[in-house]
Protein backbone atom coordinates (compact mmCIF):
# COMPACT_ATOMS: atom_id res chain seq x y z
CA MET A 1 192.36 71.96 47.69
CA GLU A 2 193.72 74.16 51.34
CA MET A 3 196.01 77.98 51.09
CA VAL A 4 199.60 75.80 50.87
CA GLN A 5 197.69 73.46 47.50
CA LYS A 6 196.03 76.96 46.38
CA LEU A 7 200.00 79.37 46.36
CA ASP A 8 202.42 76.96 44.28
CA ALA A 9 199.65 76.27 41.38
CA MET A 10 199.05 80.52 41.30
CA ALA A 11 201.46 82.15 38.15
CA PRO A 12 204.17 83.76 39.66
CA GLU A 13 203.71 86.99 39.98
CA VAL A 14 200.15 86.37 41.34
CA ARG A 15 202.22 84.16 44.16
CA ALA A 16 204.44 87.16 44.47
CA LYS A 17 201.58 89.43 45.81
CA VAL A 18 199.71 86.86 47.84
CA MET A 19 202.99 86.82 49.61
CA GLU A 20 203.64 90.15 50.37
CA LYS A 21 200.16 90.76 51.54
CA TYR A 22 200.83 87.99 53.84
CA ARG A 23 204.41 89.01 54.73
CA ALA A 24 203.03 92.63 55.16
CA LEU A 25 200.71 91.09 58.26
CA CYS A 26 203.23 88.48 60.45
CA THR A 27 203.53 89.19 63.26
CA CYS A 28 207.03 87.20 63.39
CA PRO A 29 209.54 90.35 63.98
CA VAL A 30 207.67 90.21 67.81
CA CYS A 31 207.81 87.44 68.40
CA PRO A 32 209.95 86.16 71.75
CA ALA A 33 211.77 83.90 69.77
CA TYR A 34 212.48 85.97 67.56
CA THR A 35 216.43 87.00 67.23
CA HIS A 36 218.88 90.10 66.39
CA CYS A 37 220.73 88.02 63.88
CA MET A 38 216.33 86.83 62.07
CA LYS A 39 215.95 90.93 62.25
CA LYS A 40 219.33 91.61 61.01
CA LYS A 41 219.12 88.83 57.80
CA GLU A 42 214.92 90.48 57.73
CA GLU A 43 213.66 87.06 57.91
CA LYS A 44 210.16 86.44 58.20
CA LEU A 45 207.50 84.44 56.95
CA PHE A 46 208.81 81.48 58.39
CA CYS A 47 205.54 79.45 57.93
CA SER A 48 206.35 79.81 53.93
CA THR A 49 210.17 80.03 53.70
CA GLY A 50 210.55 77.88 56.37
CA LYS A 51 213.32 77.69 59.26
CA THR A 52 216.20 80.14 59.90
CA SER A 53 219.59 79.74 59.87
CA CYS A 54 219.88 81.32 63.12
CA SER A 55 220.37 80.18 66.50
CA ILE A 56 216.86 80.38 68.42
CA MET A 57 216.09 78.89 71.76
CA LYS A 58 212.32 77.91 71.34
CA LYS A 59 210.58 80.58 73.40
CA ALA A 60 205.95 81.44 73.32
CA CYS A 61 205.47 80.60 70.17
CA LEU A 62 202.94 83.36 68.09
CA CYS A 63 202.18 81.59 65.17
CA PRO A 64 199.10 80.83 66.56
CA ASN A 65 197.93 83.80 67.28
CA CYS A 66 199.26 85.07 64.17
CA PRO A 67 196.89 86.42 61.57
CA VAL A 68 198.94 84.37 58.71
CA THR A 69 197.91 81.17 60.80
CA SER A 70 193.80 82.10 59.98
CA MET A 71 194.12 83.48 56.42
CA MET A 72 196.37 80.44 55.19
CA ALA A 73 194.91 77.71 57.12
CA LEU A 74 198.33 76.95 59.52
CA LYS A 75 198.10 73.55 61.97
CA PHE A 76 201.41 74.01 63.09
CA GLY A 77 204.84 76.69 64.70
CA TYR A 78 207.42 76.54 65.20
CA TYR A 79 208.03 77.33 61.89
CA CYS A 80 211.31 79.56 62.32
CA ALA A 81 212.88 76.26 64.22
CA SER A 82 211.40 73.33 62.67
CA GLY A 83 210.12 74.72 59.24
CA SER A 84 207.38 75.61 56.46
CA GLU A 85 203.96 74.14 57.07
CA LYS A 86 204.54 72.14 54.01
CA GLN A 87 207.94 70.79 55.26
CA HIS A 88 205.70 69.59 58.47
CA ARG A 89 203.11 68.20 56.14
CA ASN A 90 205.61 66.72 53.63
CA MET A 91 204.26 68.69 50.73
């Protein structure tokens, strides 16, 4: 079972603790595509939360190098613009 599916199966309080760990490792705030709007809304971890409502320009996606990518066995990128891993996989 992949991590995305494992997260769905976790009890809410356990999932919250795991997601907090991932939030701490998230590299969204240093990504060139990250905007002032996202910072103001304190948005991050788009691979899990889905795309932003802020307007962005796709430039130099850091998703492939993010530690969360390997920890969760993620396959996609530009989550801030195109939606979460779960959305990409139509789960």
